[in-house]
N, C-alpha and C. Protein backbone atom coordinates (compact mmCIF):
# COMPACT_ATOMS: atom_id res chain seq x y z
N MET A 1 0.81 -1.08 0.05
CA MET A 1 0.05 -0.09 0.05
C MET A 1 0.78 1.15 0.06
N ILE A 2 0.72 2.04 -0.84
CA ILE A 2 1.41 3.52 -0.89
C ILE A 2 0.86 4.37 0.20
N ARG A 3 1.81 4.83 0.90
CA ARG A 3 1.44 5.67 2.13
C ARG A 3 1.82 7.19 1.80
N GLU A 4 1.15 8.02 2.57
CA GLU A 4 1.58 9.60 2.30
C GLU A 4 2.84 9.71 2.92
N ILE A 5 3.70 10.45 2.18
CA ILE A 5 5.00 10.96 2.72
C ILE A 5 4.83 12.23 3.29
N ILE A 6 5.46 12.31 4.58
CA ILE A 6 5.33 13.56 5.33
C ILE A 6 6.20 14.61 4.76
N ILE A 7 5.81 15.90 4.61
CA ILE A 7 6.50 16.91 4.13
C ILE A 7 7.25 17.72 5.24
N TRP A 8 8.47 18.14 5.29
CA TRP A 8 9.13 18.91 6.25
C TRP A 8 8.54 20.26 6.01
N PRO A 9 8.31 21.12 7.09
CA PRO A 9 8.86 20.93 8.53
C PRO A 9 7.72 20.46 9.38
N ASP A 10 7.42 19.11 9.21
CA ASP A 10 6.41 18.51 10.08
C ASP A 10 7.16 18.04 11.30
N PRO A 11 6.67 18.27 12.49
CA PRO A 11 7.50 17.89 13.72
C PRO A 11 7.83 16.32 13.89
N VAL A 12 7.01 15.55 13.19
CA VAL A 12 7.12 14.10 13.18
C VAL A 12 8.55 13.60 12.61
N LEU A 13 8.97 14.59 11.72
CA LEU A 13 10.33 14.16 11.11
C LEU A 13 11.46 14.67 11.98
N LYS A 14 11.27 15.25 13.08
CA LYS A 14 12.39 15.51 14.16
C LYS A 14 12.43 14.61 15.30
N GLN A 15 11.62 13.67 15.15
CA GLN A 15 11.51 12.77 16.52
C GLN A 15 12.48 11.52 16.07
N VAL A 16 13.08 11.06 17.13
CA VAL A 16 14.02 9.87 17.03
C VAL A 16 13.08 8.63 16.95
N ALA A 17 13.37 7.67 15.98
CA ALA A 17 12.72 6.51 15.82
C ALA A 17 13.12 5.58 16.99
N LYS A 18 12.10 4.62 17.33
CA LYS A 18 12.30 3.63 18.43
C LYS A 18 12.70 2.21 17.63
N PRO A 19 13.61 1.62 18.35
CA PRO A 19 14.06 0.34 17.89
C PRO A 19 12.93 -0.71 17.65
N VAL A 20 13.07 -1.51 16.70
CA VAL A 20 12.04 -2.71 16.42
C VAL A 20 12.47 -3.73 17.25
N ASP A 21 11.46 -4.31 17.90
CA ASP A 21 11.66 -5.57 18.79
C ASP A 21 12.06 -6.77 18.28
N GLY A 22 11.62 -7.04 17.05
CA GLY A 22 11.74 -8.15 16.17
C GLY A 22 11.19 -7.94 14.92
N VAL A 23 11.50 -8.68 13.80
CA VAL A 23 10.87 -8.49 12.56
C VAL A 23 9.83 -9.62 12.40
N ASP A 24 8.54 -9.12 12.34
CA ASP A 24 7.46 -10.10 12.25
C ASP A 24 6.60 -9.59 10.87
N ASP A 25 5.56 -10.23 10.82
CA ASP A 25 4.63 -9.91 9.69
C ASP A 25 4.32 -8.50 9.59
N THR A 26 4.02 -7.81 10.82
CA THR A 26 3.69 -6.41 10.89
C THR A 26 4.84 -5.52 10.31
N ILE A 27 6.11 -5.82 10.70
CA ILE A 27 7.26 -5.18 10.18
C ILE A 27 7.40 -5.33 8.77
N ARG A 28 7.23 -6.56 8.37
CA ARG A 28 7.46 -6.89 6.89
C ARG A 28 6.40 -6.13 6.04
N ARG A 29 5.23 -6.07 6.53
CA ARG A 29 4.16 -5.39 5.78
C ARG A 29 4.64 -3.85 5.77
N LEU A 30 5.16 -3.25 6.98
CA LEU A 30 5.55 -1.85 6.74
C LEU A 30 6.60 -1.72 5.84
N LEU A 31 7.68 -2.64 5.83
CA LEU A 31 8.77 -2.64 4.71
C LEU A 31 8.29 -2.60 3.39
N ASP A 32 7.31 -3.57 3.14
CA ASP A 32 6.58 -3.74 1.79
C ASP A 32 5.98 -2.21 1.31
N ASP A 33 5.16 -1.75 2.32
CA ASP A 33 4.61 -0.51 2.15
C ASP A 33 5.64 0.55 1.85
N MET A 34 6.59 0.61 2.69
CA MET A 34 7.57 1.55 2.45
C MET A 34 8.26 1.40 1.06
N ALA A 35 8.61 0.16 0.65
CA ALA A 35 9.21 -0.03 -0.72
C ALA A 35 8.19 0.46 -1.70
N GLU A 36 6.88 0.07 -1.66
CA GLU A 36 5.94 0.64 -2.71
C GLU A 36 5.92 1.99 -2.69
N THR A 37 5.93 2.69 -1.69
CA THR A 37 5.82 4.10 -1.51
C THR A 37 7.04 4.73 -2.06
N MET A 38 8.16 4.44 -1.76
CA MET A 38 9.46 4.80 -2.34
C MET A 38 9.42 4.75 -3.86
N TYR A 39 9.08 3.60 -4.40
CA TYR A 39 9.10 3.43 -5.84
C TYR A 39 8.04 4.28 -6.56
N ALA A 40 6.90 4.45 -5.92
CA ALA A 40 5.77 5.30 -6.48
C ALA A 40 6.29 6.75 -6.56
N ALA A 41 7.14 7.20 -5.69
CA ALA A 41 7.50 8.57 -5.50
C ALA A 41 9.00 8.61 -6.37
N ASP A 42 9.46 7.56 -7.01
CA ASP A 42 10.63 7.57 -7.74
C ASP A 42 11.86 7.99 -6.74
N GLY A 43 11.89 7.45 -5.52
CA GLY A 43 13.07 7.66 -4.63
C GLY A 43 14.01 6.55 -4.57
N VAL A 44 15.12 6.83 -4.02
CA VAL A 44 16.18 5.84 -3.84
C VAL A 44 16.04 5.26 -2.41
N GLY A 45 15.61 5.90 -1.46
CA GLY A 45 15.41 5.40 -0.07
C GLY A 45 14.17 6.03 0.57
N LEU A 46 13.83 5.33 1.68
CA LEU A 46 12.59 5.94 2.54
C LEU A 46 12.85 5.21 3.90
N ALA A 47 12.69 6.20 4.91
CA ALA A 47 12.83 5.77 6.30
C ALA A 47 11.41 5.91 6.80
N ALA A 48 10.99 5.00 7.96
CA ALA A 48 9.74 4.94 8.29
C ALA A 48 9.25 6.24 8.92
N PRO A 49 9.97 7.03 9.57
CA PRO A 49 9.55 8.30 10.14
C PRO A 49 9.00 9.22 8.89
N GLN A 50 9.41 9.01 7.67
CA GLN A 50 8.87 9.80 6.41
C GLN A 50 7.48 9.44 6.27
N ILE A 51 6.92 8.31 6.66
CA ILE A 51 5.39 7.95 6.60
C ILE A 51 4.78 7.95 8.00
N ALA A 52 5.36 8.66 8.90
CA ALA A 52 4.91 8.96 10.09
C ALA A 52 4.77 7.65 11.00
N VAL A 53 5.87 6.78 10.80
CA VAL A 53 5.98 5.46 11.60
C VAL A 53 7.30 5.79 12.36
N GLY A 54 7.28 5.69 13.70
CA GLY A 54 8.41 6.12 14.50
C GLY A 54 9.26 4.75 14.86
N LYS A 55 9.50 3.95 13.75
CA LYS A 55 10.22 2.72 13.94
C LYS A 55 11.58 2.87 13.15
N ARG A 56 12.60 2.15 13.58
CA ARG A 56 13.86 2.20 12.95
C ARG A 56 13.96 1.26 11.75
N CYS A 57 13.36 1.66 10.65
CA CYS A 57 13.28 1.00 9.44
C CYS A 57 13.62 1.67 8.29
N ILE A 58 14.34 1.05 7.27
CA ILE A 58 14.74 1.84 6.17
C ILE A 58 14.62 0.89 4.84
N VAL A 59 14.19 1.43 3.79
CA VAL A 59 14.36 0.57 2.53
C VAL A 59 15.17 1.60 1.61
N ILE A 60 15.96 0.82 0.74
CA ILE A 60 16.83 1.70 -0.24
C ILE A 60 16.95 0.77 -1.52
N ASP A 61 16.95 1.26 -2.58
CA ASP A 61 17.14 0.70 -3.89
C ASP A 61 17.85 1.75 -4.76
N ALA A 62 19.07 1.64 -5.02
CA ALA A 62 19.95 2.55 -5.57
C ALA A 62 20.04 1.98 -7.06
N SER A 63 19.56 0.87 -7.45
CA SER A 63 19.82 0.22 -8.68
C SER A 63 19.43 1.19 -9.92
N PRO A 64 18.49 2.08 -9.94
CA PRO A 64 18.29 2.80 -10.95
C PRO A 64 19.42 3.83 -11.42
N ARG A 65 20.25 4.16 -10.31
CA ARG A 65 21.29 5.11 -10.30
C ARG A 65 22.73 4.62 -10.08
N GLN A 66 22.70 3.36 -9.66
CA GLN A 66 23.99 2.64 -9.38
C GLN A 66 23.97 1.23 -9.72
N GLU A 67 24.73 0.82 -10.65
CA GLU A 67 24.73 -0.55 -11.02
C GLU A 67 25.08 -1.55 -10.05
N GLY A 68 24.54 -2.74 -10.05
CA GLY A 68 24.72 -3.86 -9.05
C GLY A 68 23.95 -3.78 -7.78
N GLN A 69 22.99 -2.75 -7.87
CA GLN A 69 22.34 -2.68 -6.46
C GLN A 69 20.98 -3.25 -6.61
N LYS A 70 20.24 -3.49 -5.42
CA LYS A 70 18.95 -4.08 -5.47
C LYS A 70 18.31 -3.43 -4.14
N LEU A 71 16.91 -3.80 -4.07
CA LEU A 71 16.21 -3.40 -2.86
C LEU A 71 16.84 -3.96 -1.59
N ILE A 72 17.10 -3.19 -0.61
CA ILE A 72 17.56 -3.68 0.67
C ILE A 72 16.87 -3.19 1.80
N HIS A 73 16.63 -4.06 2.86
CA HIS A 73 15.86 -3.63 4.05
C HIS A 73 16.77 -3.59 5.29
N LEU A 74 16.71 -2.34 5.90
CA LEU A 74 17.50 -2.27 7.09
C LEU A 74 16.58 -2.02 8.32
N VAL A 75 16.62 -2.90 9.20
CA VAL A 75 15.78 -2.86 10.46
C VAL A 75 16.83 -2.58 11.61
N ASN A 76 16.64 -1.61 12.30
CA ASN A 76 17.51 -1.22 13.41
C ASN A 76 19.07 -0.99 12.98
N PRO A 77 19.18 -0.27 11.98
CA PRO A 77 20.53 -0.15 11.39
C PRO A 77 21.45 0.65 12.24
N GLN A 78 22.65 0.26 12.27
CA GLN A 78 23.69 1.00 12.95
C GLN A 78 24.86 1.20 12.03
N ILE A 79 25.32 2.41 11.84
CA ILE A 79 26.55 2.68 11.22
C ILE A 79 27.74 2.43 11.95
N VAL A 80 28.40 1.36 11.75
CA VAL A 80 29.50 1.02 12.59
C VAL A 80 30.99 1.39 12.13
N LYS A 81 31.07 1.95 10.83
CA LYS A 81 32.34 2.44 10.49
C LYS A 81 32.15 3.35 9.31
N THR A 82 32.93 4.42 9.22
CA THR A 82 32.97 5.20 8.04
C THR A 82 34.39 5.54 7.60
N GLU A 83 34.55 5.89 6.37
CA GLU A 83 35.68 6.09 5.78
C GLU A 83 35.56 7.22 4.71
N GLY A 84 36.64 8.10 4.57
CA GLY A 84 36.74 9.00 3.52
C GLY A 84 35.62 10.12 3.54
N VAL A 85 35.72 11.11 2.63
CA VAL A 85 34.65 12.05 2.75
C VAL A 85 34.25 12.29 1.17
N THR A 86 32.97 12.50 0.99
CA THR A 86 32.60 12.84 -0.45
C THR A 86 31.39 13.88 -0.26
N THR A 87 31.14 14.65 -1.39
CA THR A 87 29.99 15.56 -1.51
C THR A 87 29.08 15.06 -2.46
N TYR A 88 27.70 15.08 -2.21
CA TYR A 88 26.52 14.66 -3.09
C TYR A 88 25.54 15.72 -3.08
N ASN A 89 24.93 16.00 -4.21
CA ASN A 89 23.83 16.83 -4.35
C ASN A 89 22.47 15.98 -3.97
N GLU A 90 22.19 16.16 -2.66
CA GLU A 90 21.08 15.31 -2.08
C GLU A 90 19.70 16.00 -2.11
N GLY A 91 18.80 15.14 -2.43
CA GLY A 91 17.23 15.61 -2.42
C GLY A 91 16.75 14.70 -1.39
N CYS A 92 15.45 14.90 -1.27
CA CYS A 92 14.69 14.05 -0.14
C CYS A 92 13.21 14.04 -0.47
N LEU A 93 12.59 12.88 -0.30
CA LEU A 93 11.21 12.74 -0.60
C LEU A 93 10.22 13.61 0.27
N SER A 94 10.79 13.87 1.53
CA SER A 94 10.13 14.76 2.35
C SER A 94 10.28 16.23 2.20
N ILE A 95 11.13 16.65 1.24
CA ILE A 95 11.45 17.97 0.82
C ILE A 95 11.49 17.96 -0.69
N PRO A 96 10.33 17.79 -1.28
CA PRO A 96 10.36 17.62 -2.76
C PRO A 96 10.64 18.85 -3.53
N GLY A 97 11.41 18.64 -4.69
CA GLY A 97 11.82 19.72 -5.58
C GLY A 97 13.16 20.47 -4.94
N GLU A 98 13.67 20.07 -3.93
CA GLU A 98 14.99 20.60 -3.46
C GLU A 98 16.00 19.75 -3.31
N ALA A 99 17.24 20.21 -3.69
CA ALA A 99 18.52 19.54 -3.57
C ALA A 99 19.67 20.43 -3.24
N GLU A 100 20.61 19.92 -2.51
CA GLU A 100 21.82 20.75 -2.05
C GLU A 100 23.04 19.76 -1.81
N GLU A 101 24.09 20.33 -1.97
CA GLU A 101 25.34 19.71 -1.75
C GLU A 101 25.58 19.40 -0.33
N VAL A 102 25.75 18.02 0.13
CA VAL A 102 25.94 17.55 1.41
C VAL A 102 27.26 16.78 1.54
N GLU A 103 28.02 16.96 2.46
CA GLU A 103 29.23 16.29 2.77
C GLU A 103 29.03 15.15 3.69
N ARG A 104 29.27 13.84 3.20
CA ARG A 104 29.04 12.54 3.86
C ARG A 104 30.35 11.84 3.77
N ALA A 105 30.25 10.69 4.57
CA ALA A 105 31.40 9.83 4.42
C ALA A 105 31.36 8.95 3.05
N ALA A 106 32.51 8.81 2.45
CA ALA A 106 32.49 8.13 1.19
C ALA A 106 32.09 6.67 1.17
N LYS A 107 32.45 6.03 2.35
CA LYS A 107 32.16 4.63 2.46
C LYS A 107 31.68 4.32 3.92
N VAL A 108 30.67 3.48 4.14
CA VAL A 108 30.22 3.22 5.32
C VAL A 108 29.77 1.62 5.42
N TRP A 109 29.88 1.23 6.64
CA TRP A 109 29.59 -0.19 7.03
C TRP A 109 28.48 -0.09 8.01
N VAL A 110 27.37 -0.81 7.62
CA VAL A 110 26.05 -0.78 8.46
C VAL A 110 25.76 -2.09 8.88
N ARG A 111 25.32 -2.26 10.00
CA ARG A 111 24.88 -3.61 10.71
C ARG A 111 23.40 -3.33 10.75
N ALA A 112 22.59 -4.36 10.52
CA ALA A 112 21.17 -4.30 10.61
C ALA A 112 20.47 -5.60 10.69
N LEU A 113 19.15 -5.74 10.67
CA LEU A 113 18.40 -6.91 10.53
C LEU A 113 17.72 -6.96 9.11
N ASP A 114 17.70 -8.03 8.31
CA ASP A 114 17.15 -8.08 7.08
C ASP A 114 15.68 -8.17 7.15
N TYR A 115 15.02 -8.42 5.99
CA TYR A 115 13.62 -8.65 5.79
C TYR A 115 13.15 -9.81 6.71
N ALA A 116 13.92 -10.92 6.78
CA ALA A 116 13.71 -12.06 7.61
C ALA A 116 13.99 -11.94 9.08
N GLY A 117 14.66 -10.88 9.31
CA GLY A 117 14.92 -10.64 10.84
C GLY A 117 16.39 -11.08 11.30
N LYS A 118 17.17 -11.54 10.17
CA LYS A 118 18.58 -11.98 10.38
C LYS A 118 19.47 -10.79 10.36
N PRO A 119 20.43 -10.91 11.30
CA PRO A 119 21.42 -9.89 11.25
C PRO A 119 22.46 -10.00 10.15
N TYR A 120 22.82 -8.82 9.68
CA TYR A 120 23.92 -8.79 8.55
C TYR A 120 24.64 -7.53 8.56
N GLU A 121 25.76 -7.55 7.96
CA GLU A 121 26.53 -6.19 7.75
C GLU A 121 26.69 -6.00 6.30
N LEU A 122 26.72 -4.65 5.94
CA LEU A 122 26.79 -4.27 4.57
C LEU A 122 27.92 -3.24 4.35
N GLU A 123 28.77 -3.41 3.47
CA GLU A 123 29.67 -2.43 2.98
C GLU A 123 29.24 -1.67 1.86
N CYS A 124 29.24 -0.26 2.01
CA CYS A 124 28.49 0.63 1.10
C CYS A 124 29.26 1.73 0.51
N GLU A 125 29.33 1.86 -0.85
CA GLU A 125 30.05 2.92 -1.44
C GLU A 125 29.12 3.82 -2.48
N GLY A 126 29.68 4.85 -2.96
CA GLY A 126 28.87 5.61 -3.99
C GLY A 126 27.52 6.05 -3.48
N LEU A 127 26.47 6.04 -4.37
CA LEU A 127 25.18 6.56 -3.96
C LEU A 127 24.49 5.57 -2.77
N LEU A 128 24.88 4.34 -2.65
CA LEU A 128 24.40 3.54 -1.57
C LEU A 128 24.87 4.12 -0.30
N ALA A 129 26.03 4.32 -0.19
CA ALA A 129 26.60 4.87 0.94
C ALA A 129 26.00 6.26 1.49
N ILE A 130 25.73 7.07 0.43
CA ILE A 130 24.98 8.42 0.65
C ILE A 130 23.58 7.99 1.18
N ALA A 131 22.94 7.28 0.64
CA ALA A 131 21.55 6.68 0.93
C ALA A 131 21.41 6.24 2.20
N VAL A 132 22.35 5.43 2.67
CA VAL A 132 22.34 4.87 3.88
C VAL A 132 22.46 5.88 4.95
N GLN A 133 23.35 6.87 4.74
CA GLN A 133 23.69 7.90 5.80
C GLN A 133 22.43 8.90 5.82
N HIS A 134 21.87 9.14 4.75
CA HIS A 134 20.64 10.04 4.58
C HIS A 134 19.53 9.44 5.35
N GLU A 135 19.14 8.19 4.86
CA GLU A 135 18.06 7.60 5.54
C GLU A 135 18.31 7.33 7.17
N HIS A 136 19.54 6.95 7.58
CA HIS A 136 19.75 6.79 8.95
C HIS A 136 19.56 8.03 9.76
N ASP A 137 19.86 9.24 9.03
CA ASP A 137 19.72 10.62 9.70
C ASP A 137 18.18 10.62 9.94
N HIS A 138 17.39 10.35 9.12
CA HIS A 138 15.98 10.42 9.21
C HIS A 138 15.59 9.56 10.61
N LEU A 139 16.22 8.43 11.09
CA LEU A 139 15.78 7.68 12.24
C LEU A 139 16.29 8.63 13.52
N GLU A 140 17.10 9.47 13.21
CA GLU A 140 17.71 10.30 14.40
C GLU A 140 17.13 11.64 14.38
N GLY A 141 16.01 11.84 13.56
CA GLY A 141 15.27 13.06 13.50
C GLY A 141 16.14 14.21 12.62
N THR A 142 16.91 13.87 11.88
CA THR A 142 17.95 14.86 11.11
C THR A 142 17.53 14.70 9.68
N LEU A 143 17.39 15.75 8.99
CA LEU A 143 17.27 15.86 7.60
C LEU A 143 18.37 16.32 6.86
N PHE A 144 18.42 16.22 5.60
CA PHE A 144 19.64 16.78 4.88
C PHE A 144 19.77 18.44 4.96
N VAL A 145 18.69 18.92 5.10
CA VAL A 145 18.68 20.31 5.44
C VAL A 145 19.38 20.90 6.74
N ASP A 146 19.58 19.92 7.67
CA ASP A 146 20.17 20.17 8.97
C ASP A 146 21.61 20.37 8.74
N HIS A 147 22.12 19.79 7.67
CA HIS A 147 23.59 19.84 7.20
C HIS A 147 23.95 21.16 6.43
N LEU A 148 22.96 21.96 6.22
CA LEU A 148 23.12 23.26 5.44
C LEU A 148 23.37 24.35 6.37
N SER A 149 23.53 25.49 5.71
CA SER A 149 23.79 26.76 6.56
C SER A 149 22.27 27.10 6.85
N SER A 150 22.15 27.92 7.98
CA SER A 150 20.87 28.27 8.55
C SER A 150 19.94 29.23 7.43
N LEU A 151 20.73 29.98 6.68
CA LEU A 151 20.08 30.62 5.53
C LEU A 151 19.37 29.66 4.67
N LYS A 152 20.19 28.82 4.11
CA LYS A 152 19.74 27.84 3.03
C LYS A 152 18.56 27.05 3.63
N ARG A 153 18.61 26.57 4.94
CA ARG A 153 17.70 25.86 5.51
C ARG A 153 16.42 26.65 5.65
N GLU A 154 16.48 27.91 6.00
CA GLU A 154 15.36 28.64 6.16
C GLU A 154 14.54 29.09 4.78
N LEU A 155 15.41 29.19 3.83
CA LEU A 155 14.71 29.42 2.45
C LEU A 155 14.02 28.09 2.13
N ILE A 156 14.52 27.13 2.22
CA ILE A 156 13.75 25.78 1.81
C ILE A 156 12.61 25.67 2.74
N ARG A 157 12.66 25.93 4.04
CA ARG A 157 11.59 25.79 4.96
C ARG A 157 10.40 26.59 4.39
N ARG A 158 10.74 27.82 4.09
CA ARG A 158 9.66 28.67 3.57
C ARG A 158 8.99 28.23 2.42
N ARG A 159 9.84 27.65 1.41
CA ARG A 159 9.26 27.07 0.29
C ARG A 159 8.36 25.83 0.47
N MET A 160 8.73 25.02 1.49
CA MET A 160 8.15 23.78 1.84
C MET A 160 6.69 24.13 2.52
N LYS A 161 6.82 25.21 3.28
CA LYS A 161 5.59 25.69 4.00
C LYS A 161 4.55 26.14 2.96
N LYS A 162 4.99 26.97 1.92
CA LYS A 162 4.24 27.30 0.75
C LYS A 162 3.61 25.93 -0.02
N LEU A 163 4.44 25.32 -0.07
CA LEU A 163 4.01 24.05 -0.90
C LEU A 163 2.95 23.11 -0.14
N LYS A 164 3.15 23.11 1.22
CA LYS A 164 2.21 22.32 1.93
C LYS A 164 0.73 23.13 2.02
N GLN A 165 0.77 24.47 1.98
CA GLN A 165 -0.45 25.26 1.97
C GLN A 165 -1.11 25.10 0.53
N GLU A 166 -0.32 25.08 -0.44
CA GLU A 166 -0.79 24.89 -1.83
C GLU A 166 -1.55 23.54 -1.92
N ARG A 167 -0.84 22.51 -1.47
CA ARG A 167 -1.38 21.12 -1.48
C ARG A 167 -2.68 21.11 -0.67
N ALA A 168 -2.68 21.68 0.49
CA ALA A 168 -3.93 21.75 1.34
C ALA A 168 -5.01 22.45 0.57
N ALA A 169 -4.72 23.46 -0.08
CA ALA A 169 -5.76 24.21 -0.83
C ALA A 169 -6.37 23.32 -1.94
N GLU A 170 -5.49 22.64 -2.73
CA GLU A 170 -5.92 21.76 -3.73
C GLU A 170 -6.77 20.77 -3.16
N GLN A 171 -6.46 20.13 -2.05
CA GLN A 171 -7.28 18.96 -1.50
C GLN A 171 -8.62 19.57 -0.98
N ALA A 172 -8.65 20.71 -0.41
CA ALA A 172 -9.94 21.38 -0.17
C ALA A 172 -10.76 21.61 -1.33
N ASP A 173 -10.10 22.03 -2.46
CA ASP A 173 -10.91 22.33 -3.67
C ASP A 173 -11.53 21.01 -4.26
N GLN A 174 -10.64 20.00 -4.11
CA GLN A 174 -11.16 18.66 -4.63
C GLN A 174 -12.39 18.13 -3.72
N ILE A 175 -12.28 18.31 -2.51
CA ILE A 175 -13.30 17.71 -1.69
C ILE A 175 -14.55 18.65 -1.94
N ARG A 176 -14.42 19.94 -2.07
CA ARG A 176 -15.66 20.71 -2.40
C ARG A 176 -16.12 20.41 -3.75
N SER A 177 -15.43 20.21 -4.82
CA SER A 177 -15.94 19.83 -6.08
C SER A 177 -16.65 18.47 -6.02
N ALA A 178 -16.14 17.60 -5.37
CA ALA A 178 -16.56 16.19 -5.22
C ALA A 178 -17.87 16.32 -4.49
N SER A 179 -18.16 17.05 -3.59
CA SER A 179 -19.34 17.16 -2.90
C SER A 179 -20.57 17.75 -3.71
N ARG A 180 -20.15 18.38 -4.81
CA ARG A 180 -21.15 19.06 -5.73
C ARG A 180 -21.36 18.13 -6.78
N HIS A 181 -20.69 17.00 -7.00
CA HIS A 181 -20.86 16.12 -8.05
C HIS A 181 -22.23 15.31 -7.86
N GLU A 182 -22.77 15.13 -8.93
CA GLU A 182 -24.12 14.44 -8.98
C GLU A 182 -24.16 13.07 -8.13
N SER A 183 -23.09 12.42 -8.28
CA SER A 183 -23.06 11.01 -7.57
C SER A 183 -22.69 11.13 -6.22
N ALA A 184 -22.41 12.28 -5.78
CA ALA A 184 -22.15 12.54 -4.26
C ALA A 184 -23.34 12.23 -3.45
N LEU A 185 -23.27 11.65 -2.23
CA LEU A 185 -24.43 11.30 -1.32
C LEU A 185 -24.55 12.54 -0.45
């Protein structure tokens, strides 16, 4: 099921996600919904807080932009080691239409539970390393704009508030026009 992606500056995006006790059918259903939502939005990654679920779950699929990748599920991920530095022009599904240069580690090692609940460790480079760090930040209540200057962050915040107002107005118009439709009860 495709879920609604929360748009920043919503306070839910600033909350630290809680660890998952174990991977069961409920968590797998959440991971499936997250993957479906990410693909529908043409994203590379999605963290559970972005759909208003305060659990430490991430899905990432960098395959459209990095060869040799596939959908990965990270439950209770921990970045255990980093190496090097790189800069990448990052965007975010919770901050649509915006992208800025962010400095990250060039290589990361992450430990997590997989879709079946089994522990594993993954060595990440390139876009996958960026995505892991970006999505892990979401679990800590941090967004890529938090890595920017306060001026850039404030300009983006204003544009997002305007976007949210425009979307709310569009939804209100749709509701009003639907209630005037002949088939409306």
